């Protein structure tokens, strides 16, 4: 888990963050949007570019096996309904979170995978952060690498998108920080030795060297809330879907990078 912000920030810089934040600041314009990849060392960039060196590709390979493996229920594998993921899943991950007609609410890609398992394969949903759910989600998302993020322009999603922006801009926790203070107002500056990224979700699930493993966007958001000394939401909470939807909108049209590699 990342070190808490309070242990990283000199008090003078913390004061700058608290006093210099611009309430209601506009999101970063599309021409200014930069992936966290751009701020990484050349060694980590090379690791992400090379599928033979990218450790996240091990999970993608596991996901491919799961895609073609029939579940214990004896019902069809994912491939039995969807065919070759390289064609049928191309572009899918760029459009999530999306509106789910059955539940009448937005869902993310992880939830879509688990819905298919429960309704069409007759098996239990996979646990959040479990290797199998991460692997399947990474495999599906990897089919869209290089495509621009295109969250749906669906008016039914507007209230959730607005909620996500409110959460992104709200001060939280004992430090009174918000996501926007770091990632909108102070991106490109340093937090200790690390450069503050714009915080775009272009590579999830991604391999984080600090984690020594693959993790979801929800895991990263929980880490950030803990870093602000705020109480994180539980996995699967609707607040995470709202944040993910707003972040996807905020990141478009940056290309998807799954599985990205980060420090």
C-alpha atoms as a PDB file:
ATOM      1  CA  UNK A   1       0.000   0.000   0.000  1.00  0.00           C
ATOM      2  CA  UNK A   2       1.349   3.491  -0.836  1.00  0.00           C
ATOM      3  CA  UNK A   3       2.719   5.555   2.005  1.00  0.00           C
ATOM      4  CA  UNK A   4       0.259   8.057   3.467  1.00  0.00           C
ATOM      5  CA  UNK A   5       0.338  11.564   2.076  1.00  0.00           C
ATOM      6  CA  UNK A   6       1.070  12.976   5.515  1.00  0.00           C
ATOM      7  CA  UNK A   7       4.370  11.079   5.646  1.00  0.00           C
ATOM      8  CA  UNK A   8       5.381  12.220   2.174  1.00  0.00           C
ATOM      9  CA  UNK A   9       4.550  15.900   2.039  1.00  0.00           C
ATOM     10  CA  UNK A  10       6.642  18.589   3.665  1.00  0.00           C
ATOM     11  CA  UNK A  11       4.330  20.779   5.710  1.00  0.00           C
ATOM     12  CA  UNK A  12       4.957  23.795   3.484  1.00  0.00           C
ATOM     13  CA  UNK A  13       3.872  21.923   0.377  1.00  0.00           C
ATOM     14  CA  UNK A  14       0.858  20.494   2.173  1.00  0.00           C
ATOM     15  CA  UNK A  15      -0.143  24.055   3.025  1.00  0.00           C
ATOM     16  CA  UNK A  16       0.225  24.995  -0.629  1.00  0.00           C
ATOM     17  CA  UNK A  17      -2.077  22.181  -1.645  1.00  0.00           C
ATOM     18  CA  UNK A  18      -4.699  23.125   0.884  1.00  0.00           C
ATOM     19  CA  UNK A  19      -4.671  26.861   0.250  1.00  0.00           C
ATOM     20  CA  UNK A  20      -3.978  26.922  -3.484  1.00  0.00           C
ATOM     21  CA  UNK A  21      -6.676  24.526  -4.692  1.00  0.00           C
ATOM     22  CA  UNK A  22      -9.068  26.068  -7.143  1.00  0.00           C
ATOM     23  CA  UNK A  23     -12.610  25.203  -6.186  1.00  0.00           C
ATOM     24  CA  UNK A  24     -14.620  24.139  -9.198  1.00  0.00           C
ATOM     25  CA  UNK A  25     -11.570  24.087 -11.470  1.00  0.00           C
ATOM     26  CA  UNK A  26     -12.289  22.888 -14.986  1.00  0.00           C
ATOM     27  CA  UNK A  27     -11.019  19.437 -15.962  1.00  0.00           C
ATOM     28  CA  UNK A  28      -7.809  19.177 -17.940  1.00  0.00           C
ATOM     29  CA  UNK A  29      -8.551  19.970 -21.586  1.00  0.00           C
ATOM     30  CA  UNK A  30      -8.288  17.129 -24.131  1.00  0.00           C
ATOM     31  CA  UNK A  31      -5.161  18.653 -25.697  1.00  0.00           C
ATOM     32  CA  UNK A  32      -3.408  18.721 -22.307  1.00  0.00           C
ATOM     33  CA  UNK A  33      -4.280  15.192 -21.212  1.00  0.00           C
ATOM     34  CA  UNK A  34      -1.280  12.961 -20.563  1.00  0.00           C
ATOM     35  CA  UNK A  35      -1.082   9.331 -19.565  1.00  0.00           C
ATOM     36  CA  UNK A  36       0.952   8.414 -16.510  1.00  0.00           C
ATOM     37  CA  UNK A  37       3.087   6.468 -18.988  1.00  0.00           C
ATOM     38  CA  UNK A  38       4.613   9.767 -20.130  1.00  0.00           C
ATOM     39  CA  UNK A  39       5.985  10.447 -16.641  1.00  0.00           C
ATOM     40  CA  UNK A  40       7.552   7.046 -16.061  1.00  0.00           C
ATOM     41  CA  UNK A  41      11.225   6.217 -16.373  1.00  0.00           C
ATOM     42  CA  UNK A  42      12.452   4.933 -19.722  1.00  0.00           C
ATOM     43  CA  UNK A  43      13.040   1.521 -18.115  1.00  0.00           C
ATOM     44  CA  UNK A  44       9.403   1.151 -17.012  1.00  0.00           C
ATOM     45  CA  UNK A  45       8.170   2.475 -20.354  1.00  0.00           C
ATOM     46  CA  UNK A  46      10.254  -0.190 -22.105  1.00  0.00           C
ATOM     47  CA  UNK A  47       8.817  -2.840 -19.761  1.00  0.00           C
ATOM     48  CA  UNK A  48       5.256  -1.867 -20.662  1.00  0.00           C
ATOM     49  CA  UNK A  49       5.938  -1.749 -24.398  1.00  0.00           C
ATOM     50  CA  UNK A  50       7.510  -5.219 -24.531  1.00  0.00           C
ATOM     51  CA  UNK A  51       4.922  -7.964 -24.076  1.00  0.00           C
ATOM     52  CA  UNK A  52       7.736 -10.358 -23.240  1.00  0.00           C
ATOM     53  CA  UNK A  53       8.883  -8.147 -20.360  1.00  0.00           C
ATOM     54  CA  UNK A  54       5.524  -6.752 -19.201  1.00  0.00           C
ATOM     55  CA  UNK A  55       4.607  -8.803 -16.092  1.00  0.00           C
ATOM     56  CA  UNK A  56       0.931  -7.970 -16.588  1.00  0.00           C
ATOM     57  CA  UNK A  57       0.904 -10.141 -19.692  1.00  0.00           C
ATOM     58  CA  UNK A  58       1.081 -13.239 -17.471  1.00  0.00           C
ATOM     59  CA  UNK A  59      -2.388 -12.361 -16.183  1.00  0.00           C
ATOM     60  CA  UNK A  60      -3.589 -11.709 -19.741  1.00  0.00           C
ATOM     61  CA  UNK A  61      -2.432 -15.217 -20.682  1.00  0.00           C
ATOM     62  CA  UNK A  62      -4.322 -16.635 -17.696  1.00  0.00           C
ATOM     63  CA  UNK A  63      -7.368 -14.678 -18.806  1.00  0.00           C
ATOM     64  CA  UNK A  64      -7.143 -16.184 -22.277  1.00  0.00           C
ATOM     65  CA  UNK A  65      -7.178 -19.666 -20.743  1.00  0.00           C
ATOM     66  CA  UNK A  66     -10.239 -18.788 -18.687  1.00  0.00           C
ATOM     67  CA  UNK A  67     -11.918 -17.348 -21.797  1.00  0.00           C
ATOM     68  CA  UNK A  68     -11.735 -20.706 -23.550  1.00  0.00           C
ATOM     69  CA  UNK A  69     -12.337 -22.962 -20.521  1.00  0.00           C
ATOM     70  CA  UNK A  70     -15.850 -24.257 -19.881  1.00  0.00           C
ATOM     71  CA  UNK A  71     -17.130 -23.574 -16.332  1.00  0.00           C
ATOM     72  CA  UNK A  72     -17.886 -26.418 -13.877  1.00  0.00           C
ATOM     73  CA  UNK A  73     -21.591 -26.015 -14.632  1.00  0.00           C
ATOM     74  CA  UNK A  74     -21.001 -27.525 -18.054  1.00  0.00           C
ATOM     75  CA  UNK A  75     -22.338 -24.432 -19.814  1.00  0.00           C
ATOM     76  CA  UNK A  76     -20.356 -22.759 -22.607  1.00  0.00           C
ATOM     77  CA  UNK A  77     -17.086 -20.971 -22.021  1.00  0.00           C
ATOM     78  CA  UNK A  78     -16.876 -17.251 -22.746  1.00  0.00           C
ATOM     79  CA  UNK A  79     -15.546 -18.150 -26.195  1.00  0.00           C
ATOM     80  CA  UNK A  80     -18.554 -20.401 -26.755  1.00  0.00           C
ATOM     81  CA  UNK A  81     -20.820 -17.341 -26.851  1.00  0.00           C
ATOM     82  CA  UNK A  82     -18.464 -14.565 -27.884  1.00  0.00           C
ATOM     83  CA  UNK A  83     -16.014 -16.358 -30.152  1.00  0.00           C
ATOM     84  CA  UNK A  84     -12.545 -14.933 -30.725  1.00  0.00           C
ATOM     85  CA  UNK A  85     -11.960 -12.113 -28.266  1.00  0.00           C
ATOM     86  CA  UNK A  86      -9.523 -10.412 -30.641  1.00  0.00           C
ATOM     87  CA  UNK A  87     -12.498  -9.424 -32.798  1.00  0.00           C
ATOM     88  CA  UNK A  88     -15.614  -9.543 -30.611  1.00  0.00           C
ATOM     89  CA  UNK A  89     -14.032  -7.769 -27.631  1.00  0.00           C
ATOM     90  CA  UNK A  90     -12.152  -5.168 -29.652  1.00  0.00           C
ATOM     91  CA  UNK A  91     -13.238  -1.767 -28.347  1.00  0.00           C
ATOM     92  CA  UNK A  92     -15.450  -3.119 -25.551  1.00  0.00           C
ATOM     93  CA  UNK A  93     -13.301  -1.978 -22.616  1.00  0.00           C
ATOM     94  CA  UNK A  94     -13.104   1.581 -23.957  1.00  0.00           C
ATOM     95  CA  UNK A  95     -16.878   1.937 -23.444  1.00  0.00           C
ATOM     96  CA  UNK A  96     -17.144   1.065 -19.759  1.00  0.00           C
ATOM     97  CA  UNK A  97     -18.722   1.845 -17.331  1.00  0.00           C
ATOM     98  CA  UNK A  98     -21.915   1.461 -19.334  1.00  0.00           C
ATOM     99  CA  UNK A  99     -25.640   1.387 -18.679  1.00  0.00           C
ATOM    100  CA  UNK A 100     -27.029  -2.033 -17.799  1.00  0.00           C
ATOM    101  CA  UNK A 101     -30.622  -2.391 -18.976  1.00  0.00           C
ATOM    102  CA  UNK A 102     -31.410  -5.266 -16.623  1.00  0.00           C
ATOM    103  CA  UNK A 103     -30.358  -3.587 -13.382  1.00  0.00           C
ATOM    104  CA  UNK A 104     -31.115  -0.062 -14.616  1.00  0.00           C
ATOM    105  CA  UNK A 105     -27.805   1.279 -13.368  1.00  0.00           C
ATOM    106  CA  UNK A 106     -24.229   1.734 -14.594  1.00  0.00           C
ATOM    107  CA  UNK A 107     -21.839  -1.193 -14.290  1.00  0.00           C
ATOM    108  CA  UNK A 108     -18.128  -1.589 -14.885  1.00  0.00           C
ATOM    109  CA  UNK A 109     -16.356  -4.284 -16.875  1.00  0.00           C
ATOM    110  CA  UNK A 110     -15.710  -6.420 -13.790  1.00  0.00           C
ATOM    111  CA  UNK A 111     -19.420  -6.473 -13.008  1.00  0.00           C
ATOM    112  CA  UNK A 112     -20.229  -7.367 -16.607  1.00  0.00           C
ATOM    113  CA  UNK A 113     -17.880 -10.359 -16.404  1.00  0.00           C
ATOM    114  CA  UNK A 114     -19.507 -11.525 -13.183  1.00  0.00           C
ATOM    115  CA  UNK A 115     -23.007 -10.988 -14.568  1.00  0.00           C
ATOM    116  CA  UNK A 116     -22.190 -13.241 -17.502  1.00  0.00           C
ATOM    117  CA  UNK A 117     -20.789 -15.880 -15.161  1.00  0.00           C
ATOM    118  CA  UNK A 118     -23.890 -15.879 -12.995  1.00  0.00           C
ATOM    119  CA  UNK A 119     -26.581 -15.621 -15.670  1.00  0.00           C
ATOM    120  CA  UNK A 120     -25.108 -17.491 -18.620  1.00  0.00           C
ATOM    121  CA  UNK A 121     -22.556 -19.846 -17.103  1.00  0.00           C
ATOM    122  CA  UNK A 122     -24.383 -20.770 -13.919  1.00  0.00           C
ATOM    123  CA  UNK A 123     -21.399 -20.183 -11.623  1.00  0.00           C
ATOM    124  CA  UNK A 124     -20.687 -17.865  -8.730  1.00  0.00           C
ATOM    125  CA  UNK A 125     -19.267 -14.372  -9.366  1.00  0.00           C
ATOM    126  CA  UNK A 126     -15.539 -13.994  -8.876  1.00  0.00           C
ATOM    127  CA  UNK A 127     -14.313 -12.038  -5.857  1.00  0.00           C
ATOM    128  CA  UNK A 128     -12.939  -8.532  -6.313  1.00  0.00           C
ATOM    129  CA  UNK A 129      -9.152  -8.535  -6.753  1.00  0.00           C
ATOM    130  CA  UNK A 130      -9.151 -12.301  -7.214  1.00  0.00           C
ATOM    131  CA  UNK A 131      -6.567 -13.504  -9.760  1.00  0.00           C
ATOM    132  CA  UNK A 132      -9.272 -14.917 -12.056  1.00  0.00           C
ATOM    133  CA  UNK A 133     -11.381 -11.741 -12.175  1.00  0.00           C
ATOM    134  CA  UNK A 134      -8.297  -9.595 -12.765  1.00  0.00           C
ATOM    135  CA  UNK A 135      -7.073 -11.991 -15.445  1.00  0.00           C
ATOM    136  CA  UNK A 136     -10.362 -12.109 -17.348  1.00  0.00           C
ATOM    137  CA  UNK A 137     -10.820  -8.346 -17.145  1.00  0.00           C
ATOM    138  CA  UNK A 138      -7.229  -7.742 -18.249  1.00  0.00           C
ATOM    139  CA  UNK A 139      -7.591 -10.172 -21.154  1.00  0.00           C
ATOM    140  CA  UNK A 140     -10.763  -8.486 -22.386  1.00  0.00           C
ATOM    141  CA  UNK A 141      -9.333  -4.989 -21.946  1.00  0.00           C
ATOM    142  CA  UNK A 142      -6.080  -5.936 -23.679  1.00  0.00           C
ATOM    143  CA  UNK A 143      -8.042  -6.529 -26.893  1.00  0.00           C
ATOM    144  CA  UNK A 144      -8.615  -2.758 -27.026  1.00  0.00           C
ATOM    145  CA  UNK A 145      -5.041  -1.603 -26.482  1.00  0.00           C
ATOM    146  CA  UNK A 146      -4.321   1.517 -28.502  1.00  0.00           C
ATOM    147  CA  UNK A 147      -7.956   2.470 -29.001  1.00  0.00           C
ATOM    148  CA  UNK A 148      -9.192   5.793 -27.561  1.00  0.00           C
ATOM    149  CA  UNK A 149     -11.301   5.745 -24.438  1.00  0.00           C
ATOM    150  CA  UNK A 150     -14.890   6.486 -25.494  1.00  0.00           C
ATOM    151  CA  UNK A 151     -17.246   6.398 -22.498  1.00  0.00           C
ATOM    152  CA  UNK A 152     -20.861   6.249 -23.680  1.00  0.00           C
ATOM    153  CA  UNK A 153     -22.631   9.514 -24.423  1.00  0.00           C
ATOM    154  CA  UNK A 154     -25.743   8.140 -22.737  1.00  0.00           C
ATOM    155  CA  UNK A 155     -27.982  10.586 -20.828  1.00  0.00           C
ATOM    156  CA  UNK A 156     -28.909   7.801 -18.397  1.00  0.00           C
ATOM    157  CA  UNK A 157     -25.289   7.928 -17.205  1.00  0.00           C
ATOM    158  CA  UNK A 158     -25.263  11.687 -16.609  1.00  0.00           C
ATOM    159  CA  UNK A 159     -26.310  11.601 -12.920  1.00  0.00           C
ATOM    160  CA  UNK A 160     -23.640   9.006 -12.139  1.00  0.00           C
ATOM    161  CA  UNK A 161     -21.026  10.938 -14.089  1.00  0.00           C
ATOM    162  CA  UNK A 162     -21.913  14.086 -12.141  1.00  0.00           C
ATOM    163  CA  UNK A 163     -21.685  12.155  -8.871  1.00  0.00           C
ATOM    164  CA  UNK A 164     -18.229  10.953  -9.892  1.00  0.00           C
ATOM    165  CA  UNK A 165     -17.056  14.494 -10.518  1.00  0.00           C
ATOM    166  CA  UNK A 166     -18.433  15.601  -7.157  1.00  0.00           C
ATOM    167  CA  UNK A 167     -16.529  12.791  -5.434  1.00  0.00           C
ATOM    168  CA  UNK A 168     -13.372  13.654  -7.379  1.00  0.00           C
ATOM    169  CA  UNK A 169     -13.512  17.295  -6.293  1.00  0.00           C
ATOM    170  CA  UNK A 170     -14.696  16.771  -2.694  1.00  0.00           C
ATOM    171  CA  UNK A 171     -12.226  17.273   0.146  1.00  0.00           C
ATOM    172  CA  UNK A 172     -11.993  14.097   2.189  1.00  0.00           C
ATOM    173  CA  UNK A 173     -10.251  12.587   5.160  1.00  0.00           C
ATOM    174  CA  UNK A 174      -8.122  14.037   7.916  1.00  0.00           C
ATOM    175  CA  UNK A 175      -5.887  15.844   5.400  1.00  0.00           C
ATOM    176  CA  UNK A 176      -8.796  17.655   3.741  1.00  0.00           C
ATOM    177  CA  UNK A 177      -7.508  16.757   0.294  1.00  0.00           C
ATOM    178  CA  UNK A 178      -9.391  15.882  -2.878  1.00  0.00           C
ATOM    179  CA  UNK A 179      -8.448  13.935  -5.982  1.00  0.00           C
ATOM    180  CA  UNK A 180      -8.667  17.171  -7.984  1.00  0.00           C
ATOM    181  CA  UNK A 181      -6.203  19.066  -5.793  1.00  0.00           C
ATOM    182  CA  UNK A 182      -3.439  16.670  -6.788  1.00  0.00           C
ATOM    183  CA  UNK A 183      -4.434  15.455 -10.247  1.00  0.00           C
ATOM    184  CA  UNK A 184      -6.056  18.585 -11.719  1.00  0.00           C
ATOM    185  CA  UNK A 185      -4.363  21.465  -9.932  1.00  0.00           C
ATOM    186  CA  UNK A 186      -0.860  20.135  -9.246  1.00  0.00           C
ATOM    187  CA  UNK A 187      -0.131  17.465 -11.844  1.00  0.00           C
ATOM    188  CA  UNK A 188       3.467  17.524 -13.009  1.00  0.00           C
ATOM    189  CA  UNK A 189       4.735  18.676  -9.606  1.00  0.00           C
ATOM    190  CA  UNK A 190       6.447  16.369  -7.150  1.00  0.00           C
ATOM    191  CA  UNK A 191       5.007  14.483  -4.201  1.00  0.00           C
ATOM    192  CA  UNK A 192       8.176  13.495  -2.410  1.00  0.00           C
ATOM    193  CA  UNK A 193      10.317  11.944  -5.148  1.00  0.00           C
ATOM    194  CA  UNK A 194       7.340  11.020  -7.345  1.00  0.00           C
ATOM    195  CA  UNK A 195       5.831  13.145 -10.100  1.00  0.00           C
ATOM    196  CA  UNK A 196       2.098  13.734  -9.616  1.00  0.00           C
ATOM    197  CA  UNK A 197       0.248  12.257 -12.623  1.00  0.00           C
ATOM    198  CA  UNK A 198      -3.022  13.478 -14.048  1.00  0.00           C
ATOM    199  CA  UNK A 199      -4.575  10.288 -12.722  1.00  0.00           C
ATOM    200  CA  UNK A 200      -6.127   8.819 -15.868  1.00  0.00           C
ATOM    201  CA  UNK A 201      -7.423   5.218 -15.693  1.00  0.00           C
ATOM    202  CA  UNK A 202      -5.994   4.188 -19.049  1.00  0.00           C
ATOM    203  CA  UNK A 203      -4.200   1.006 -18.033  1.00  0.00           C
ATOM    204  CA  UNK A 204      -6.392  -0.970 -15.621  1.00  0.00           C
ATOM    205  CA  UNK A 205      -6.115  -3.675 -14.589  1.00  0.00           C
ATOM    206  CA  UNK A 206      -2.420  -2.773 -14.410  1.00  0.00           C
ATOM    207  CA  UNK A 207       0.751  -4.173 -12.913  1.00  0.00           C
ATOM    208  CA  UNK A 208       2.118  -1.973 -10.163  1.00  0.00           C
ATOM    209  CA  UNK A 209       5.710  -2.610  -9.133  1.00  0.00           C
ATOM    210  CA  UNK A 210       4.865  -1.516  -5.601  1.00  0.00           C
ATOM    211  CA  UNK A 211       2.159  -4.198  -5.445  1.00  0.00           C
ATOM    212  CA  UNK A 212       4.255  -6.824  -7.217  1.00  0.00           C
ATOM    213  CA  UNK A 213       1.065  -7.823  -8.959  1.00  0.00           C
ATOM    214  CA  UNK A 214      -1.971  -6.825 -10.977  1.00  0.00           C
ATOM    215  CA  UNK A 215      -4.675  -4.634  -9.462  1.00  0.00           C
ATOM    216  CA  UNK A 216      -7.932  -2.968 -10.426  1.00  0.00           C
ATOM    217  CA  UNK A 217      -8.837   0.706 -10.522  1.00  0.00           C
ATOM    218  CA  UNK A 218     -10.941   0.167  -7.409  1.00  0.00           C
ATOM    219  CA  UNK A 219      -7.850  -1.003  -5.538  1.00  0.00           C
ATOM    220  CA  UNK A 220      -5.980   2.124  -6.603  1.00  0.00           C
ATOM    221  CA  UNK A 221      -8.865   4.390  -5.580  1.00  0.00           C
ATOM    222  CA  UNK A 222      -8.981   2.696  -2.181  1.00  0.00           C
ATOM    223  CA  UNK A 223      -5.242   3.323  -1.806  1.00  0.00           C
ATOM    224  CA  UNK A 224      -5.726   7.001  -2.641  1.00  0.00           C
ATOM    225  CA  UNK A 225      -8.534   7.378  -0.101  1.00  0.00           C
ATOM    226  CA  UNK A 226      -6.363   5.743   2.540  1.00  0.00           C
ATOM    227  CA  UNK A 227      -3.545   8.114   1.583  1.00  0.00           C
ATOM    228  CA  UNK A 228      -5.884  11.043   2.233  1.00  0.00           C
ATOM    229  CA  UNK A 229      -6.706   9.417   5.576  1.00  0.00           C
ATOM    230  CA  UNK A 230     -10.282   8.932   4.481  1.00  0.00           C
ATOM    231  CA  UNK A 231     -12.397   5.809   4.935  1.00  0.00           C
ATOM    232  CA  UNK A 232     -12.377   3.868   1.643  1.00  0.00           C
ATOM    233  CA  UNK A 233     -15.614   2.522   0.187  1.00  0.00           C
ATOM    234  CA  UNK A 234     -16.058  -1.233   0.066  1.00  0.00           C
ATOM    235  CA  UNK A 235     -15.234  -3.082  -3.146  1.00  0.00           C
ATOM    236  CA  UNK A 236     -18.142  -2.881  -5.567  1.00  0.00           C
ATOM    237  CA  UNK A 237     -19.564   0.295  -4.043  1.00  0.00           C
ATOM    238  CA  UNK A 238     -21.531   2.511  -6.465  1.00  0.00           C
ATOM    239  CA  UNK A 239     -19.197   5.389  -5.595  1.00  0.00           C
ATOM    240  CA  UNK A 240     -16.386   3.585  -7.395  1.00  0.00           C
ATOM    241  CA  UNK A 241     -18.529   3.158 -10.505  1.00  0.00           C
ATOM    242  CA  UNK A 242     -19.317   6.882 -10.412  1.00  0.00           C
ATOM    243  CA  UNK A 243     -15.643   7.775 -10.042  1.00  0.00           C
ATOM    244  CA  UNK A 244     -14.635   5.370 -12.790  1.00  0.00           C
ATOM    245  CA  UNK A 245     -17.213   6.838 -15.174  1.00  0.00           C
ATOM    246  CA  UNK A 246     -16.103  10.402 -14.497  1.00  0.00           C
ATOM    247  CA  UNK A 247     -12.438   9.426 -14.783  1.00  0.00           C
ATOM    248  CA  UNK A 248     -13.072   7.692 -18.114  1.00  0.00           C
ATOM    249  CA  UNK A 249     -14.810  10.829 -19.403  1.00  0.00           C
ATOM    250  CA  UNK A 250     -11.992  12.992 -18.042  1.00  0.00           C
ATOM    251  CA  UNK A 251      -9.383  10.775 -19.767  1.00  0.00           C
ATOM    252  CA  UNK A 252     -10.971  10.511 -23.216  1.00  0.00           C
ATOM    253  CA  UNK A 253      -9.623  10.284 -25.877  1.00  0.00           C
ATOM    254  CA  UNK A 254      -6.373   8.883 -24.436  1.00  0.00           C
ATOM    255  CA  UNK A 255      -5.629   5.347 -25.661  1.00  0.00           C
ATOM    256  CA  UNK A 256      -6.203   2.265 -23.527  1.00  0.00           C
ATOM    257  CA  UNK A 257      -2.951   0.654 -22.315  1.00  0.00           C
ATOM    258  CA  UNK A 258      -4.049  -2.479 -20.434  1.00  0.00           C
ATOM    259  CA  UNK A 259      -2.042  -4.043 -18.945  1.00  0.00           C
ATOM    260  CA  UNK A 260      -0.083  -0.925 -18.100  1.00  0.00           C
ATOM    261  CA  UNK A 261       2.950  -0.961 -15.797  1.00  0.00           C
ATOM    262  CA  UNK A 262       3.382   1.645 -13.092  1.00  0.00           C
ATOM    263  CA  UNK A 263       5.955   2.180 -10.310  1.00  0.00           C
END
